[in-house]
C-alpha atoms as a PDB file:
ATOM      1  CA  MET A   1      -7.063 217.619 -90.361  1.00  0.00           C
ATOM      2  CA  ARG A   2      -4.084 217.090 -88.080  1.00  0.00           C
ATOM      3  CA  LEU A   3      -2.674 213.584 -87.608  1.00  0.00           C
ATOM      4  CA  LYS A   4      -1.049 212.227 -84.460  1.00  0.00           C
ATOM      5  CA  VAL A   5       1.779 209.774 -85.166  1.00  0.00           C
ATOM      6  CA  THR A   6       4.145 207.808 -82.940  1.00  0.00           C
ATOM      7  CA  VAL A   7       7.730 207.502 -84.190  1.00  0.00           C
ATOM      8  CA  LYS A   8       9.926 204.788 -82.664  1.00  0.00           C
ATOM      9  CA  TYR A   9      13.705 204.606 -83.062  1.00  0.00           C
ATOM     10  CA  PHE A  10      15.838 201.471 -82.853  1.00  0.00           C
ATOM     11  CA  GLY A  11      19.553 200.629 -82.796  1.00  0.00           C
ATOM     12  CA  SER A  12      21.977 203.345 -83.817  1.00  0.00           C
ATOM     13  CA  VAL A  13      19.099 205.483 -85.112  1.00  0.00           C
ATOM     14  CA  LYS A  14      17.954 205.722 -81.498  1.00  0.00           C
ATOM     15  CA  GLY A  15      21.415 207.069 -80.650  1.00  0.00           C
ATOM     16  CA  ASP A  16      21.197 209.576 -83.498  1.00  0.00           C
ATOM     17  CA  THR A  17      18.008 211.078 -82.052  1.00  0.00           C
ATOM     18  CA  GLY A  18      18.735 210.680 -78.342  1.00  0.00           C
ATOM     19  CA  THR A  19      15.325 209.105 -77.705  1.00  0.00           C
ATOM     20  CA  ASP A  20      13.510 205.853 -78.335  1.00  0.00           C
ATOM     21  CA  ARG A  21      10.236 207.493 -79.394  1.00  0.00           C
ATOM     22  CA  GLU A  22       8.479 210.740 -80.017  1.00  0.00           C
ATOM     23  CA  PHE A  23       5.038 211.926 -80.976  1.00  0.00           C
ATOM     24  CA  LEU A  24       4.397 214.106 -84.015  1.00  0.00           C
ATOM     25  CA  THR A  25       1.435 216.085 -85.240  1.00  0.00           C
ATOM     26  CA  LEU A  26       1.383 216.207 -89.029  1.00  0.00           C
ATOM     27  CA  ASP A  27      -0.848 217.654 -91.698  1.00  0.00           C
ATOM     28  CA  GLU A  28      -3.082 215.248 -93.543  1.00  0.00           C
ATOM     29  CA  GLY A  29      -1.489 213.831 -96.686  1.00  0.00           C
ATOM     30  CA  PHE A  30       2.064 213.437 -95.333  1.00  0.00           C
ATOM     31  CA  THR A  31       3.965 210.456 -96.733  1.00  0.00           C
ATOM     32  CA  VAL A  32       6.588 208.336 -94.994  1.00  0.00           C
ATOM     33  CA  THR A  33       9.350 210.039 -97.018  1.00  0.00           C
ATOM     34  CA  GLN A  34       8.085 213.510 -96.099  1.00  0.00           C
ATOM     35  CA  THR A  35       7.903 212.508 -92.435  1.00  0.00           C
ATOM     36  CA  ILE A  36      11.477 211.194 -92.484  1.00  0.00           C
ATOM     37  CA  SER A  37      12.627 214.453 -94.113  1.00  0.00           C
ATOM     38  CA  LEU A  38      10.910 216.386 -91.335  1.00  0.00           C
ATOM     39  CA  LEU A  39      12.663 214.211 -88.736  1.00  0.00           C
ATOM     40  CA  LYS A  40      16.029 214.824 -90.413  1.00  0.00           C
ATOM     41  CA  GLU A  41      15.432 218.572 -90.101  1.00  0.00           C
ATOM     42  CA  LYS A  42      14.634 218.119 -86.410  1.00  0.00           C
ATOM     43  CA  HIS A  43      17.491 215.736 -85.489  1.00  0.00           C
ATOM     44  CA  GLU A  44      21.013 216.648 -86.556  1.00  0.00           C
ATOM     45  CA  GLY A  45      22.140 213.050 -85.933  1.00  0.00           C
ATOM     46  CA  LEU A  46      19.783 211.819 -88.641  1.00  0.00           C
ATOM     47  CA  ARG A  47      21.030 214.429 -91.104  1.00  0.00           C
ATOM     48  CA  ASN A  48      24.636 213.367 -90.525  1.00  0.00           C
ATOM     49  CA  ARG A  49      23.867 209.658 -90.724  1.00  0.00           C
ATOM     50  CA  LYS A  50      26.136 207.837 -93.156  1.00  0.00           C
ATOM     51  CA  GLY A  51      24.053 204.677 -93.451  1.00  0.00           C
ATOM     52  CA  GLN A  52      20.621 204.165 -94.881  1.00  0.00           C
ATOM     53  CA  ILE A  53      17.554 204.257 -92.645  1.00  0.00           C
ATOM     54  CA  LEU A  54      14.991 201.494 -92.932  1.00  0.00           C
ATOM     55  CA  PHE A  55      11.412 202.056 -91.865  1.00  0.00           C
ATOM     56  CA  ALA A  56       8.218 200.224 -91.097  1.00  0.00           C
ATOM     57  CA  LEU A  57       4.727 201.675 -90.956  1.00  0.00           C
ATOM     58  CA  ASN A  58       2.465 199.937 -88.448  1.00  0.00           C
ATOM     59  CA  GLN A  59       4.989 197.090 -88.104  1.00  0.00           C
ATOM     60  CA  SER A  60       5.137 196.359 -91.848  1.00  0.00           C
ATOM     61  CA  TYR A  61       7.673 197.435 -94.429  1.00  0.00           C
ATOM     62  CA  SER A  62       6.127 199.934 -96.805  1.00  0.00           C
ATOM     63  CA  SER A  63       7.087 202.245 -99.629  1.00  0.00           C
ATOM     64  CA  GLY A  64       8.200 205.804 -99.004  1.00  0.00           C
ATOM     65  CA  ASP A  65       5.118 207.140-100.735  1.00  0.00           C
ATOM     66  CA  ALA A  66       2.757 205.421 -98.268  1.00  0.00           C
ATOM     67  CA  ARG A  67       0.474 207.998 -96.652  1.00  0.00           C
ATOM     68  CA  ILE A  68       0.539 208.521 -92.907  1.00  0.00           C
ATOM     69  CA  ASN A  69      -2.811 208.168 -91.147  1.00  0.00           C
ATOM     70  CA  ASP A  70      -3.949 209.322 -87.730  1.00  0.00           C
ATOM     71  CA  GLY A  71      -2.696 206.967 -85.021  1.00  0.00           C
ATOM     72  CA  ASP A  72      -0.011 205.335 -87.190  1.00  0.00           C
ATOM     73  CA  GLU A  73       3.312 204.110 -85.841  1.00  0.00           C
ATOM     74  CA  LEU A  74       6.450 204.763 -87.869  1.00  0.00           C
ATOM     75  CA  ALA A  75       9.580 202.843 -86.851  1.00  0.00           C
ATOM     76  CA  LEU A  76      13.065 203.830 -88.014  1.00  0.00           C
ATOM     77  CA  PHE A  77      16.070 201.521 -87.743  1.00  0.00           C
ATOM     78  CA  PRO A  78      19.500 201.025 -89.285  1.00  0.00           C
ATOM     79  CA  VAL A  79      20.328 198.569 -92.034  1.00  0.00           C
ATOM     80  CA  VAL A  80      21.632 195.375 -90.450  1.00  0.00           C
ATOM     81  CA  SER A  81      23.977 193.071 -92.315  1.00  0.00           C
ATOM     82  CA  GLY A  82      25.810 189.977 -91.356  1.00  0.00           C
ATOM     83  CA  GLY A  83      27.743 187.200 -92.819  1.00  0.00           C
END
């Protein structure tokens, strides 16, 4: 089964990809980590990124081994720190 997923980019990660969102079709069983690896292959800016990328699946933080389901939304954003 093929899964349709929306990926949203925020902050400097948006600049790394040149877009604020894209739509992917993935094979069933893909995890968040596998999806991010696929996106790094697709976007050179993500491969060259020095900072860590945070992510949320369906607007909630999740582990990298969380499985992607049809219709999910994956959001990628930079680590934000302050002081």
